[in-house]
Each structure stands twice: as structure tokens, then as C-alpha cells.
PDB file of N, CA and C in Angstrom:
ATOM      1  N   MET A   1      16.926 -16.895  -0.706  1.00  0.00           N
ATOM      2  CA  MET A   1      16.122 -17.447   0.105  1.00  0.00           C
ATOM      3  C   MET A   1      14.692 -17.271  -0.825  1.00  0.00           C
ATOM      4  N   ASN A   2      14.003 -18.373  -0.463  1.00  0.00           N
ATOM      5  CA  ASN A   2      12.961 -18.876  -1.053  1.00  0.00           C
ATOM      6  C   ASN A   2      11.505 -18.054  -0.486  1.00  0.00           C
ATOM      7  N   GLN A   3      10.419 -17.809  -0.693  1.00  0.00           N
ATOM      8  CA  GLN A   3       9.301 -16.840  -0.160  1.00  0.00           C
ATOM      9  C   GLN A   3       8.706 -18.570   0.224  1.00  0.00           C
ATOM     10  N   PRO A   4       7.810 -18.651   1.196  1.00  0.00           N
ATOM     11  CA  PRO A   4       6.975 -20.100   1.559  1.00  0.00           C
ATOM     12  C   PRO A   4       5.792 -19.721   0.750  1.00  0.00           C
ATOM     13  N   GLN A   5       5.278 -20.996  -0.072  1.00  0.00           N
ATOM     14  CA  GLN A   5       4.391 -20.767  -0.791  1.00  0.00           C
ATOM     15  C   GLN A   5       2.721 -21.030  -0.119  1.00  0.00           C
ATOM     16  N   LEU A   6       2.018 -20.217  -0.104  1.00  0.00           N
ATOM     17  CA  LEU A   6       0.457 -20.440   0.626  1.00  0.00           C
ATOM     18  C   LEU A   6      -0.243 -21.227  -0.499  1.00  0.00           C
ATOM     19  N   ASN A   7      -0.847 -22.117   0.609  1.00  0.00           N
ATOM     20  CA  ASN A   7      -1.728 -23.193  -0.340  1.00  0.00           C
ATOM     21  C   ASN A   7      -3.236 -22.393   0.263  1.00  0.00           C
ATOM     22  N   ILE A   8      -3.821 -21.436  -0.460  1.00  0.00           N
ATOM     23  CA  ILE A   8      -5.068 -20.882  -0.088  1.00  0.00           C
ATOM     24  C   ILE A   8      -6.135 -21.142  -0.917  1.00  0.00           C
ATOM     25  N   ASP A   9      -7.077 -21.604  -0.380  1.00  0.00           N
ATOM     26  CA  ASP A   9      -8.471 -22.173  -1.537  1.00  0.00           C
ATOM     27  C   ASP A   9      -9.090 -20.670  -1.473  1.00  0.00           C
ATOM     28  N   MET A  10      -9.000 -20.394  -2.850  1.00  0.00           N
ATOM     29  CA  MET A  10      -9.965 -19.000  -3.448  1.00  0.00           C
ATOM     30  C   MET A  10     -11.049 -18.830  -2.898  1.00  0.00           C
ATOM     31  N   LYS A  11     -11.767 -19.930  -2.783  1.00  0.00           N
ATOM     32  CA  LYS A  11     -13.178 -20.220  -2.138  1.00  0.00           C
ATOM     33  C   LYS A  11     -13.396 -19.507  -0.636  1.00  0.00           C
ATOM     34  N   ASN A  12     -12.014 -19.623   0.017  1.00  0.00           N
ATOM     35  CA  ASN A  12     -12.404 -19.061   1.356  1.00  0.00           C
ATOM     36  C   ASN A  12     -11.482 -17.745   1.615  1.00  0.00           C
ATOM     37  N   THR A  13     -11.669 -16.959   0.693  1.00  0.00           N
ATOM     38  CA  THR A  13     -11.553 -15.549   0.539  1.00  0.00           C
ATOM     39  C   THR A  13     -12.368 -14.803   0.245  1.00  0.00           C
ATOM     40  N   THR A  14     -12.410 -13.726   0.692  1.00  0.00           N
ATOM     41  CA  THR A  14     -13.530 -12.439   0.131  1.00  0.00           C
ATOM     42  C   THR A  14     -13.062 -11.505  -0.709  1.00  0.00           C
ATOM     43  N   ALA A  15     -13.987 -10.870  -1.410  1.00  0.00           N
ATOM     44  CA  ALA A  15     -13.322  -9.902  -2.225  1.00  0.00           C
ATOM     45  C   ALA A  15     -13.451  -8.445  -1.512  1.00  0.00           C
ATOM     46  N   VAL A  16     -12.460  -7.831  -1.930  1.00  0.00           N
ATOM     47  CA  VAL A  16     -12.338  -6.486  -1.458  1.00  0.00           C
ATOM     48  C   VAL A  16     -12.736  -5.522  -2.546  1.00  0.00           C
ATOM     49  N   LYS A  17     -13.667  -4.629  -1.887  1.00  0.00           N
ATOM     50  CA  LYS A  17     -14.584  -3.924  -2.897  1.00  0.00           C
ATOM     51  C   LYS A  17     -14.154  -2.127  -2.445  1.00  0.00           C
ATOM     52  N   THR A  18     -14.503  -1.628  -3.152  1.00  0.00           N
ATOM     53  CA  THR A  18     -14.740   0.027  -2.908  1.00  0.00           C
ATOM     54  C   THR A  18     -16.050   0.279  -2.257  1.00  0.00           C
ATOM     55  N   PRO A  19     -16.249   1.761  -1.572  1.00  0.00           N
ATOM     56  CA  PRO A  19     -17.046   1.921  -1.287  1.00  0.00           C
ATOM     57  C   PRO A  19     -18.480   1.962  -2.244  1.00  0.00           C
ATOM     58  N   ASP A  20     -18.223   2.142  -3.493  1.00  0.00           N
ATOM     59  CA  ASP A  20     -19.115   2.191  -4.520  1.00  0.00           C
ATOM     60  C   ASP A  20     -19.360   0.883  -4.942  1.00  0.00           C
ATOM     61  N   GLY A  21     -18.674  -0.301  -4.440  1.00  0.00           N
ATOM     62  CA  GLY A  21     -18.748  -1.606  -4.902  1.00  0.00           C
ATOM     63  C   GLY A  21     -17.926  -2.090  -6.098  1.00  0.00           C
ATOM     64  N   ASP A  22     -16.933  -1.418  -6.478  1.00  0.00           N
ATOM     65  CA  ASP A  22     -16.126  -1.709  -7.398  1.00  0.00           C
ATOM     66  C   ASP A  22     -15.138  -2.660  -6.797  1.00  0.00           C
ATOM     67  N   VAL A  23     -14.310  -3.383  -7.775  1.00  0.00           N
ATOM     68  CA  VAL A  23     -13.545  -4.822  -7.340  1.00  0.00           C
ATOM     69  C   VAL A  23     -12.496  -4.463  -8.099  1.00  0.00           C
ATOM     70  N   VAL A  24     -12.051  -3.341  -8.585  1.00  0.00           N
ATOM     71  CA  VAL A  24     -10.753  -3.147  -9.479  1.00  0.00           C
ATOM     72  C   VAL A  24      -9.927  -2.183  -8.940  1.00  0.00           C
ATOM     73  N   PHE A  25      -8.702  -2.520  -8.658  1.00  0.00           N
ATOM     74  CA  PHE A  25      -7.630  -1.477  -8.194  1.00  0.00           C
ATOM     75  C   PHE A  25      -6.738  -1.269  -9.237  1.00  0.00           C
ATOM     76  N   GLN A  26      -5.771  -0.095  -8.904  1.00  0.00           N
ATOM     77  CA  GLN A  26      -4.644   0.164  -9.524  1.00  0.00           C
ATOM     78  C   GLN A  26      -3.419   0.221  -8.388  1.00  0.00           C
ATOM     79  N   GLN A  27      -2.233  -0.269  -8.939  1.00  0.00           N
ATOM     80  CA  GLN A  27      -0.973  -0.191  -8.255  1.00  0.00           C
ATOM     81  C   GLN A  27      -0.419   0.950  -8.228  1.00  0.00           C
ATOM     82  N   GLY A  28      -0.296   1.632  -7.267  1.00  0.00           N
ATOM     83  CA  GLY A  28       0.529   3.156  -7.245  1.00  0.00           C
ATOM     84  C   GLY A  28       1.914   2.825  -5.918  1.00  0.00           C
ATOM     85  N   MET A  29       2.551   3.963  -5.853  1.00  0.00           N
ATOM     86  CA  MET A  29       3.477   4.188  -5.045  1.00  0.00           C
ATOM     87  C   MET A  29       3.362   5.372  -4.359  1.00  0.00           C
ATOM     88  N   ILE A  30       3.601   5.536  -3.010  1.00  0.00           N
ATOM     89  CA  ILE A  30       3.601   6.410  -2.098  1.00  0.00           C
ATOM     90  C   ILE A  30       5.583   6.694  -1.735  1.00  0.00           C
ATOM     91  N   LEU A  31       5.854   7.869  -1.807  1.00  0.00           N
ATOM     92  CA  LEU A  31       7.361   7.947  -1.980  1.00  0.00           C
ATOM     93  C   LEU A  31       7.549   8.813  -0.446  1.00  0.00           C
ATOM     94  N   ARG A  32       8.559   8.158   0.450  1.00  0.00           N
ATOM     95  CA  ARG A  32       8.664   8.842   1.495  1.00  0.00           C
ATOM     96  C   ARG A  32      10.270   8.897   1.310  1.00  0.00           C
ATOM     97  N   GLN A  33      10.424  10.611   2.020  1.00  0.00           N
ATOM     98  CA  GLN A  33      12.098  10.899   2.151  1.00  0.00           C
ATOM     99  C   GLN A  33      12.495  10.191   3.693  1.00  0.00           C
ATOM    100  N   VAL A  34      13.795   9.957   3.081  1.00  0.00           N
ATOM    101  CA  VAL A  34      14.602   9.189   4.381  1.00  0.00           C
ATOM    102  C   VAL A  34      15.682  10.107   4.383  1.00  0.00           C
ATOM    103  N   SER A  35      16.320  10.597   5.915  1.00  0.00           N
ATOM    104  CA  SER A  35      17.187  11.082   5.989  1.00  0.00           C
ATOM    105  C   SER A  35      18.504  10.496   5.750  1.00  0.00           C
ATOM    106  N   LYS A  36      19.500  11.345   5.274  1.00  0.00           N
ATOM    107  CA  LYS A  36      21.136  10.664   5.154  1.00  0.00           C
ATOM    108  C   LYS A  36      21.392   9.975   6.429  1.00  0.00           C
ATOM    109  N   PHE A  37      21.113  10.459   7.732  1.00  0.00           N
ATOM    110  CA  PHE A  37      21.435  10.249   8.894  1.00  0.00           C
ATOM    111  C   PHE A  37      20.786   8.634   9.491  1.00  0.00           C
ATOM    112  N   VAL A  38      19.525   8.499   8.898  1.00  0.00           N
ATOM    113  CA  VAL A  38      18.643   7.475   9.338  1.00  0.00           C
ATOM    114  C   VAL A  38      19.026   6.233   8.417  1.00  0.00           C
ATOM    115  N   ALA A  39      19.673   6.604   6.891  1.00  0.00           N
ATOM    116  CA  ALA A  39      19.778   6.107   5.964  1.00  0.00           C
ATOM    117  C   ALA A  39      21.254   5.626   5.975  1.00  0.00           C
ATOM    118  N   GLY A  40      21.815   6.204   6.624  1.00  0.00           N
ATOM    119  CA  GLY A  40      23.420   5.705   6.991  1.00  0.00           C
ATOM    120  C   GLY A  40      24.447   6.222   5.064  1.00  0.00           C
ATOM    121  N   THR A  41      23.747   6.894   4.652  1.00  0.00           N
ATOM    122  CA  THR A  41      24.173   7.320   3.540  1.00  0.00           C
ATOM    123  C   THR A  41      24.938   8.905   3.163  1.00  0.00           C
ATOM    124  N   ASP A  42      25.160   9.157   2.210  1.00  0.00           N
ATOM    125  CA  ASP A  42      25.902  10.477   2.217  1.00  0.00           C
ATOM    126  C   ASP A  42      25.052  11.530   1.868  1.00  0.00           C
ATOM    127  N   GLU A  43      23.692  11.090   1.335  1.00  0.00           N
ATOM    128  CA  GLU A  43      22.713  11.602   0.873  1.00  0.00           C
ATOM    129  C   GLU A  43      21.321  11.417   1.086  1.00  0.00           C
ATOM    130  N   ASP A  44      20.398  12.298   1.676  1.00  0.00           N
ATOM    131  CA  ASP A  44      18.945  11.952   1.743  1.00  0.00           C
ATOM    132  C   ASP A  44      18.479  10.769   0.517  1.00  0.00           C
ATOM    133  N   GLY A  45      17.514  10.124   0.899  1.00  0.00           N
ATOM    134  CA  GLY A  45      17.058   9.111   0.041  1.00  0.00           C
ATOM    135  C   GLY A  45      15.529   9.198  -0.219  1.00  0.00           C
ATOM    136  N   ILE A  46      14.870   8.467  -1.076  1.00  0.00           N
ATOM    137  CA  ILE A  46      13.383   8.224  -1.737  1.00  0.00           C
ATOM    138  C   ILE A  46      13.344   6.920  -1.655  1.00  0.00           C
ATOM    139  N   MET A  47      12.194   6.458  -0.450  1.00  0.00           N
ATOM    140  CA  MET A  47      12.095   5.244  -0.226  1.00  0.00           C
ATOM    141  C   MET A  47      10.447   4.874  -0.978  1.00  0.00           C
ATOM    142  N   PRO A  48      10.119   4.106  -1.983  1.00  0.00           N
ATOM    143  CA  PRO A  48       8.971   3.888  -2.537  1.00  0.00           C
ATOM    144  C   PRO A  48       8.365   2.781  -1.908  1.00  0.00           C
ATOM    145  N   LEU A  49       6.826   3.078  -1.407  1.00  0.00           N
ATOM    146  CA  LEU A  49       5.986   1.996  -1.083  1.00  0.00           C
ATOM    147  C   LEU A  49       5.062   1.658  -1.837  1.00  0.00           C
ATOM    148  N   PRO A  50       4.891   0.524  -2.174  1.00  0.00           N
ATOM    149  CA  PRO A  50       4.011  -0.004  -3.172  1.00  0.00           C
ATOM    150  C   PRO A  50       2.262  -0.034  -2.441  1.00  0.00           C
ATOM    151  N   ILE A  51       1.197   0.193  -3.137  1.00  0.00           N
ATOM    152  CA  ILE A  51       0.209   0.668  -2.654  1.00  0.00           C
ATOM    153  C   ILE A  51      -1.030   0.489  -3.776  1.00  0.00           C
ATOM    154  N   PHE A  52      -2.326   0.019  -3.235  1.00  0.00           N
ATOM    155  CA  PHE A  52      -3.424   0.107  -4.194  1.00  0.00           C
ATOM    156  C   PHE A  52      -4.452   1.170  -3.985  1.00  0.00           C
ATOM    157  N   TYR A  53      -4.903   1.817  -5.016  1.00  0.00           N
ATOM    158  CA  TYR A  53      -5.907   2.726  -4.816  1.00  0.00           C
ATOM    159  C   TYR A  53      -6.725   2.225  -5.772  1.00  0.00           C
ATOM    160  N   ASP A  54      -8.365   3.193  -5.096  1.00  0.00           N
ATOM    161  CA  ASP A  54      -9.801   2.826  -6.313  1.00  0.00           C
ATOM    162  C   ASP A  54      -9.180   3.786  -7.461  1.00  0.00           C
ATOM    163  N   VAL A  55      -9.458   3.177  -8.507  1.00  0.00           N
ATOM    164  CA  VAL A  55      -9.163   3.807  -9.822  1.00  0.00           C
ATOM    165  C   VAL A  55     -10.176   5.194 -10.041  1.00  0.00           C
ATOM    166  N   LYS A  56     -11.520   5.111  -9.568  1.00  0.00           N
ATOM    167  CA  LYS A  56     -12.592   6.075  -9.811  1.00  0.00           C
ATOM    168  C   LYS A  56     -11.634   7.399  -9.174  1.00  0.00           C
ATOM    169  N   THR A  57     -11.725   6.906  -7.755  1.00  0.00           N
ATOM    170  CA  THR A  57     -11.692   8.190  -6.978  1.00  0.00           C
ATOM    171  C   THR A  57      -9.916   8.175  -6.271  1.00  0.00           C
ATOM    172  N   GLY A  58      -9.112   7.565  -6.488  1.00  0.00           N
ATOM    173  CA  GLY A  58      -7.652   7.911  -6.527  1.00  0.00           C
ATOM    174  C   GLY A  58      -7.467   7.474  -4.750  1.00  0.00           C
ATOM    175  N   LYS A  59      -8.396   7.145  -4.060  1.00  0.00           N
ATOM    176  CA  LYS A  59      -8.394   7.088  -2.772  1.00  0.00           C
ATOM    177  C   LYS A  59      -7.607   5.735  -2.397  1.00  0.00           C
ATOM    178  N   ILE A  60      -6.531   5.705  -1.556  1.00  0.00           N
ATOM    179  CA  ILE A  60      -5.901   4.522  -1.278  1.00  0.00           C
ATOM    180  C   ILE A  60      -6.629   3.389  -0.272  1.00  0.00           C
ATOM    181  N   LEU A  61      -6.470   2.110  -0.713  1.00  0.00           N
ATOM    182  CA  LEU A  61      -6.712   0.833  -0.135  1.00  0.00           C
ATOM    183  C   LEU A  61      -5.910   1.250   1.492  1.00  0.00           C
ATOM    184  N   LYS A  62      -6.614   1.328   2.605  1.00  0.00           N
ATOM    185  CA  LYS A  62      -5.935   1.326   3.696  1.00  0.00           C
ATOM    186  C   LYS A  62      -5.415  -0.035   4.086  1.00  0.00           C
ATOM    187  N   ASP A  63      -5.621  -1.091   3.777  1.00  0.00           N
ATOM    188  CA  ASP A  63      -4.778  -1.969   4.160  1.00  0.00           C
ATOM    189  C   ASP A  63      -3.518  -2.278   3.637  1.00  0.00           C
ATOM    190  N   THR A  64      -3.387  -1.331   2.455  1.00  0.00           N
ATOM    191  CA  THR A  64      -2.136  -1.625   1.647  1.00  0.00           C
ATOM    192  C   THR A  64      -1.133  -0.866   2.372  1.00  0.00           C
ATOM    193  N   ILE A  65      -1.502   0.017   3.026  1.00  0.00           N
ATOM    194  CA  ILE A  65      -0.228   1.106   3.765  1.00  0.00           C
ATOM    195  C   ILE A  65       0.125   0.721   4.991  1.00  0.00           C
ATOM    196  N   PRO A  66       1.515   0.670   5.218  1.00  0.00           N
ATOM    197  CA  PRO A  66       1.762  -0.124   6.445  1.00  0.00           C
ATOM    198  C   PRO A  66       1.441   0.736   7.770  1.00  0.00           C
ATOM    199  N   PRO A  67       1.017  -0.195   8.977  1.00  0.00           N
ATOM    200  CA  PRO A  67       0.309   0.233   9.798  1.00  0.00           C
ATOM    201  C   PRO A  67       0.676   1.737  10.479  1.00  0.00           C
ATOM    202  N   ASP A  68       1.838   1.995  10.459  1.00  0.00           N
ATOM    203  CA  ASP A  68       2.624   2.891  11.173  1.00  0.00           C
ATOM    204  C   ASP A  68       2.049   4.411  10.238  1.00  0.00           C
ATOM    205  N   LEU A  69       1.789   4.299   9.288  1.00  0.00           N
ATOM    206  CA  LEU A  69       1.802   5.418   8.047  1.00  0.00           C
ATOM    207  C   LEU A  69       0.073   5.707   8.274  1.00  0.00           C
ATOM    208  N   ARG A  70      -0.893   4.574   8.611  1.00  0.00           N
ATOM    209  CA  ARG A  70      -2.309   4.753   8.242  1.00  0.00           C
ATOM    210  C   ARG A  70      -2.870   6.100   8.540  1.00  0.00           C
ATOM    211  N   GLU A  71      -2.408   6.545   9.894  1.00  0.00           N
ATOM    212  CA  GLU A  71      -3.262   7.716  10.376  1.00  0.00           C
ATOM    213  C   GLU A  71      -2.601   8.836   9.632  1.00  0.00           C
ATOM    214  N   GLU A  72      -1.367   9.036   9.271  1.00  0.00           N
ATOM    215  CA  GLU A  72      -0.847  10.298   8.513  1.00  0.00           C
ATOM    216  C   GLU A  72      -1.703  10.348   7.074  1.00  0.00           C
ATOM    217  N   TYR A  73      -1.786   9.116   6.570  1.00  0.00           N
ATOM    218  CA  TYR A  73      -2.714   9.033   5.188  1.00  0.00           C
ATOM    219  C   TYR A  73      -4.294   8.683   5.236  1.00  0.00           C
ATOM    220  N   SER A  74      -4.518   9.074   6.369  1.00  0.00           N
ATOM    221  CA  SER A  74      -6.093   8.586   6.483  1.00  0.00           C
ATOM    222  C   SER A  74      -6.983   9.353   5.429  1.00  0.00           C
ATOM    223  N   GLU A  75      -6.756  10.886   5.451  1.00  0.00           N
ATOM    224  CA  GLU A  75      -7.569  11.573   4.680  1.00  0.00           C
ATOM    225  C   GLU A  75      -7.508  11.131   3.039  1.00  0.00           C
ATOM    226  N   TYR A  76      -6.753  10.369   2.846  1.00  0.00           N
ATOM    227  CA  TYR A  76      -6.511   9.796   1.216  1.00  0.00           C
ATOM    228  C   TYR A  76      -6.849   8.395   1.125  1.00  0.00           C
ATOM    229  N   CYS A  77      -7.337   7.705   2.123  1.00  0.00           N
ATOM    230  CA  CYS A  77      -7.796   6.256   2.108  1.00  0.00           C
ATOM    231  C   CYS A  77      -9.307   5.866   2.404  1.00  0.00           C
ATOM    232  N   VAL A  78      -9.548   4.633   1.655  1.00  0.00           N
ATOM    233  CA  VAL A  78     -11.205   4.204   1.744  1.00  0.00           C
ATOM    234  C   VAL A  78     -10.888   3.179   2.610  1.00  0.00           C
TER     235      VAL A  78
END
């Protein structure tokens, strides 16, 4: 299945910045444990969720966390 291509003019976007005004983020992972009963497998599993975080502080960019998990990770976010 092909992903639709978005035709977005970069001039119509805005920069994402850290509270200190920095614009560089690092990609990382949040790991979530999944019960074998939920996953329908023989063993519990680990599900990786890609996120971006502030290089200096290690704080996660809130908008990169799934909405259902934002409250749980709120103390780790910018």
C-alpha cells in the first residue's frame, strides 16, 4: 500500500522549538509492555513507540506521544 504524498510548501509551516529556543531534536523510543492476553500471543511483548526529545534536557516533545499516553508521560514532556 502506498502512502499518499503530501504537497506542503515549507513556507507554510512553523518551526518547533524547545523552551530554550533550540530547534534540534533527537529521535528515541518509549517502550510499552503488552500483555500476551491483549496481544494474543504466547508471551508478553514489548511495543516500541518512536518519539522525539530535546537533546539538552531529555524531555519528550509532547506532540510525538500518542494522545492516550500524554497524561502518563506529562512530567517527561516539553
